[in-house]
Protein backbone atom coordinates (compact mmCIF):
# COMPACT_ATOMS: atom_id res chain seq x y z
CA MET A 1 133.20 105.81 78.17
CA LEU A 2 131.44 103.01 80.03
CA ARG A 3 127.76 103.20 80.67
CA GLY A 4 128.41 101.60 84.16
CA LEU A 5 130.37 104.80 85.43
CA PHE A 6 127.35 107.02 85.00
CA THR A 7 124.95 104.37 86.09
CA ALA A 8 127.03 103.51 89.27
CA ALA A 9 127.22 107.37 89.95
CA ALA A 10 123.41 107.97 89.68
CA GLY A 11 123.24 105.14 92.60
CA MET A 12 125.66 106.77 94.82
CA SER A 13 123.82 110.27 94.46
CA GLY A 14 120.61 108.16 95.31
CA MET A 15 122.09 106.39 98.39
CA SER A 16 123.29 109.73 99.59
CA PHE A 17 120.00 111.09 99.51
CA GLU A 18 118.64 108.15 101.46
CA VAL A 19 121.21 108.72 104.15
CA ASP A 20 120.49 112.62 104.01
CA ASN A 21 116.63 111.54 104.82
CA ILE A 22 117.57 108.93 107.56
CA ALA A 23 119.48 111.47 109.34
CA ASN A 24 116.95 114.07 109.18
CA ASN A 25 114.29 111.28 110.71
CA LEU A 26 116.89 110.51 113.42
CA ALA A 27 117.39 114.10 114.37
CA ASN A 28 113.86 114.49 114.89
CA VAL A 29 113.39 111.37 117.15
CA ASN A 30 112.37 113.74 120.00
CA THR A 31 110.34 116.02 117.99
CA PHE A 32 106.57 116.30 119.33
CA GLY A 33 104.28 115.04 116.61
CA TYR A 34 107.14 114.58 113.83
CA LYS A 35 106.30 112.28 111.13
CA ARG A 36 109.22 110.31 109.69
CA THR A 37 109.75 110.36 105.86
CA ARG A 38 110.72 107.52 103.38
CA VAL A 39 112.38 107.95 100.03
CA ASP A 40 110.88 106.59 96.96
CA PHE A 41 113.11 105.61 94.26
CA GLN A 42 112.48 104.78 90.52
CA ASP A 43 114.63 103.16 87.78
CA LEU A 44 115.90 105.68 84.93
CA LEU A 45 115.58 105.63 81.14
CA TYR A 46 116.33 102.01 79.59
CA GLN A 47 118.29 101.88 76.28
CA THR A 48 116.51 99.02 74.14
CA ILE A 49 119.09 97.17 72.07
CA ARG A 50 116.56 94.47 70.75
CA PRO A 51 112.92 94.60 71.68
CA ALA A 52 111.44 91.50 72.82
CA GLY A 53 109.75 89.48 70.28
CA THR A 54 111.99 90.74 67.42
CA SER A 55 112.08 88.30 64.67
CA VAL A 56 115.48 86.78 63.71
CA ALA A 57 114.10 84.13 61.06
CA ALA A 58 110.97 83.08 59.47
CA GLY A 59 108.43 82.23 62.11
CA VAL A 60 111.02 82.65 64.94
CA GLN A 61 110.97 85.26 67.49
CA VAL A 62 113.14 86.06 70.52
CA PRO A 63 111.30 85.56 73.68
CA ALA A 64 113.24 88.09 75.55
CA GLY A 65 114.74 91.53 74.45
CA ILE A 66 117.75 93.36 75.41
CA GLN A 67 117.40 96.27 77.76
CA VAL A 68 119.90 98.15 79.69
CA GLY A 69 119.11 100.87 82.42
CA HIS A 70 121.00 103.96 83.41
CA GLY A 71 120.58 103.82 87.26
CA VAL A 72 118.17 105.40 89.61
CA ARG A 73 116.52 108.53 90.82
CA VAL A 74 114.38 109.75 93.58
CA ALA A 75 110.95 109.74 92.74
CA GLY A 76 109.85 111.42 95.81
CA THR A 77 109.75 111.61 99.77
CA ARG A 78 106.55 110.23 101.31
CA ARG A 79 105.84 111.07 104.86
CA ILE A 80 104.39 108.21 107.06
CA PHE A 81 101.48 109.31 109.11
CA THR A 82 101.38 106.65 111.73
CA GLU A 83 100.86 107.49 115.39
CA GLY A 84 103.64 107.94 117.40
CA SER A 85 103.87 107.07 121.27
CA TYR A 86 102.17 109.32 123.77
CA ARG A 87 103.98 111.07 126.88
CA SER A 88 102.13 112.08 129.89
CA THR A 89 103.01 115.70 130.75
CA GLU A 90 100.23 116.58 133.61
CA ASN A 91 100.19 120.02 131.60
CA PRO A 92 96.62 120.83 130.85
CA LEU A 93 97.39 122.95 127.90
CA ASP A 94 99.40 120.00 126.18
CA LEU A 95 97.22 118.04 123.83
CA ALA A 96 97.75 114.92 121.95
CA ILE A 97 95.59 113.60 119.07
CA LEU A 98 94.64 110.07 119.53
CA GLY A 99 94.33 108.68 116.09
CA LYS A 100 96.26 109.34 113.00
CA ASN A 101 93.52 111.32 111.31
CA GLY A 102 93.51 114.97 112.16
CA PHE A 103 95.78 118.33 112.76
CA PHE A 104 95.45 121.31 114.95
CA GLN A 105 94.90 124.21 112.98
CA VAL A 106 96.80 127.51 113.79
CA GLU A 107 97.20 131.00 112.04
CA LEU A 108 100.55 132.27 111.02
CA PRO A 109 101.10 136.07 111.15
CA ASP A 110 100.19 136.62 107.49
CA GLY A 111 96.93 135.15 107.87
CA THR A 112 97.81 131.85 106.39
CA LEU A 113 96.41 128.65 108.00
CA ALA A 114 99.04 126.01 109.00
CA TYR A 115 98.47 122.61 110.57
CA THR A 116 100.51 120.42 113.20
CA ARG A 117 100.36 117.24 115.38
CA ASP A 118 102.49 119.22 117.88
CA GLY A 119 100.11 119.80 120.98
CA ALA A 120 102.56 121.59 122.95
CA PHE A 121 100.38 124.77 123.72
CA SER A 122 100.70 127.81 125.76
CA MET A 123 98.76 130.89 126.59
CA ASP A 124 99.50 134.42 125.36
CA GLU A 125 99.33 137.66 127.37
CA THR A 126 95.65 137.80 126.45
CA GLY A 127 94.60 134.40 127.41
CA ARG A 128 94.68 132.71 123.78
CA ILE A 129 95.96 129.28 123.30
CA VAL A 130 98.98 129.38 121.03
CA THR A 131 101.96 127.41 120.01
CA SER A 132 105.39 127.43 121.04
CA ASP A 133 105.82 130.20 118.84
CA GLY A 134 103.03 132.20 119.54
CA TYR A 135 100.84 131.09 116.56
CA VAL A 136 96.94 131.23 117.55
CA LEU A 137 95.09 128.14 117.72
CA GLN A 138 92.05 127.87 115.37
CA PRO A 139 89.10 128.50 116.01
CA PRO A 140 90.68 130.92 118.73
CA ILE A 141 89.72 130.14 122.30
CA THR A 142 90.65 132.51 125.28
CA LEU A 143 90.85 131.69 128.71
CA PRO A 144 89.44 134.11 131.49
CA ASP A 145 91.84 135.77 133.66
CA ASP A 146 90.16 134.21 136.57
CA THR A 147 90.35 130.59 135.52
CA VAL A 148 91.53 128.20 138.26
CA ALA A 149 90.91 124.87 136.46
CA LEU A 150 90.82 123.96 132.77
CA ASN A 151 89.31 120.83 131.21
CA ILE A 152 89.62 119.70 127.58
CA SER A 153 87.41 116.69 126.74
CA GLU A 154 88.16 113.79 124.26
CA GLU A 155 85.51 115.70 122.07
CA GLY A 156 87.53 118.78 122.15
CA ILE A 157 85.20 120.93 124.46
CA VAL A 158 87.25 123.48 126.13
CA SER A 159 85.56 124.32 129.77
CA VAL A 160 86.96 126.01 132.62
CA ILE A 161 86.14 126.80 136.34
CA GLN A 162 86.24 130.73 137.12
CA GLY A 163 87.25 132.17 140.28
CA ARG A 164 86.85 129.99 143.76
CA VAL A 165 83.17 130.56 144.47
CA THR A 166 81.68 128.51 142.04
CA GLU A 167 82.81 124.96 140.77
CA THR A 168 80.26 125.23 137.76
CA PRO A 169 82.27 124.68 134.42
CA ASN A 170 81.84 127.28 131.86
CA GLU A 171 82.15 126.09 128.14
CA LEU A 172 84.56 128.41 126.15
CA GLY A 173 84.22 126.51 122.66
CA THR A 174 85.29 123.47 120.85
CA ILE A 175 88.70 122.77 119.36
CA GLN A 176 88.31 121.28 115.82
CA LEU A 177 90.69 119.07 113.91
CA ALA A 178 91.68 119.65 110.46
CA THR A 179 91.53 116.45 108.18
CA PHE A 180 92.69 115.77 104.23
CA VAL A 181 92.22 113.38 101.83
CA ASN A 182 95.82 112.95 101.19
CA PRO A 183 97.87 114.14 104.27
CA ALA A 184 100.91 112.71 102.44
CA GLY A 185 100.53 115.79 99.91
CA LEU A 186 101.06 118.36 102.67
CA HIS A 187 103.76 120.61 102.37
CA ALA A 188 106.28 120.54 105.71
CA ASP A 189 107.08 124.31 106.29
CA GLY A 190 109.35 123.38 109.45
CA ASN A 191 108.78 124.43 112.87
CA ASN A 192 106.50 121.19 113.13
CA LEU A 193 103.70 122.85 110.55
CA PHE A 194 102.46 121.66 107.50
CA LEU A 195 100.91 123.75 104.68
CA GLU A 196 97.78 122.73 102.45
CA THR A 197 98.62 122.11 98.64
CA GLN A 198 96.62 120.78 95.71
CA ALA A 199 97.91 117.20 96.11
CA SER A 200 96.68 117.13 99.80
CA GLY A 201 93.24 118.20 98.83
CA PRO A 202 91.26 120.87 100.72
CA VAL A 203 90.80 120.74 104.32
CA THR A 204 87.79 119.46 106.26
CA LEU A 205 87.18 120.67 109.85
CA LEU A 206 85.74 117.93 112.14
CA ASP A 207 84.87 117.80 115.95
CA PRO A 208 87.40 115.35 117.41
CA GLY A 209 85.91 111.61 117.16
CA THR A 210 83.75 112.29 114.58
CA ASP A 211 83.83 111.04 110.95
CA GLY A 212 87.06 109.09 111.59
CA ALA A 213 89.07 112.19 113.26
CA GLY A 214 90.90 111.40 116.26
CA LYS A 215 90.15 112.45 119.76
CA ILE A 216 91.94 114.62 121.90
CA ALA A 217 93.96 113.66 125.10
CA GLN A 218 94.77 116.41 127.75
CA GLY A 219 97.94 116.07 129.50
CA PHE A 220 99.81 114.35 126.80
CA LEU A 221 102.07 115.05 123.76
CA GLU A 222 102.45 112.75 120.85
CA ASN A 223 106.15 111.71 120.39
CA SER A 224 107.90 111.31 116.88
CA ASN A 225 106.82 108.03 115.00
CA VAL A 226 110.69 107.49 114.31
CA ASN A 227 111.75 103.83 115.03
CA ILE A 228 115.51 104.05 115.79
CA ALA A 229 116.25 100.46 115.16
CA GLU A 230 114.55 100.65 111.68
CA GLU A 231 116.25 103.96 110.79
CA LEU A 232 119.54 102.29 111.88
CA VAL A 233 119.04 99.33 109.63
CA ASN A 234 117.98 101.40 107.05
CA LEU A 235 121.28 103.51 107.42
CA ILE A 236 123.59 100.35 107.23
CA THR A 237 121.69 99.38 104.20
CA ALA A 238 122.01 102.54 102.41
CA GLN A 239 125.79 102.61 103.33
CA ARG A 240 126.47 99.52 102.10
CA ALA A 241 124.72 100.07 98.67
CA PHE A 242 126.69 103.41 98.33
CA GLU A 243 129.82 101.14 99.01
CA VAL A 244 128.82 98.57 96.25
CA ASN A 245 128.07 101.39 93.42
CA SER A 246 131.36 103.02 94.31
CA ARG A 247 132.84 99.60 93.80
CA ALA A 248 131.32 99.62 90.32
CA VAL A 249 132.75 102.88 89.67
CA ARG A 250 136.23 101.56 90.51
CA SER A 251 135.64 98.34 88.31
CA SER A 252 134.58 100.53 85.39
CA ASP A 253 137.74 102.84 85.99
CA SER A 254 139.62 99.47 86.00
CA MET A 255 138.07 98.33 82.77
CA LEU A 256 139.15 101.72 80.93
CA GLN A 257 142.62 101.67 82.42
CA THR A 258 142.90 98.17 80.70
CA ALA A 259 141.42 99.16 77.41
CA VAL A 260 143.93 102.21 77.46
CA ASN A 261 146.74 99.87 78.25
CA LEU A 262 146.29 97.84 75.15
CA ALA A 263 147.17 100.91 73.03
CA GLN A 264 150.48 101.24 74.73
């Protein structure tokens, strides 16, 4: 069998995975806090037919060897944590992180801590600040029943005005941001949530605006960082690469057919 059949098939498989990744990026173009992913490829094992530097005569060595590769494989998907654009919502519970460093920390029903860039928060029946799925923001902050005005500063300080008699703000606490040495190593768990892994390193909680953590903008949401034009260009490139590899399969098949016909 021709080696090229399997090599080209590996290329088709890799380009198919690339298209799947691009489709997911485009599908999440309007997802708040979504970070696009990029596929990293690696070439496969090489068969060395003649090593470089092989002696062919006394004192004579070939300057280049003979190697043939066996295609490509997906080495990993890398999440790109650049900032998205910001959208004004005028909702006091909508929060955006200004800067690429930092995540909101929430608690899942099983007690696990998860991290998100989606700041579309709401208030539950007890006054706690929660995500759209009801996961409580950590550290928890509960708004009093008689809150008439809510203010969240760039430094994450949450203060409210209670009742209509006084206009003196009452501080309830500070929203902290979670940072990681390697955020690309976080595990995407769906629902705009990430989980800590060994690759991401341990979480570090910081006040907004300190030690490189981003600041908080109240009344804004961070859009996806997907660039539609760039993704469409990547889609065309992946499609053409898939077509070229499929043509290599057809060429290899034609060569095999020619070899078979010689015996007839």
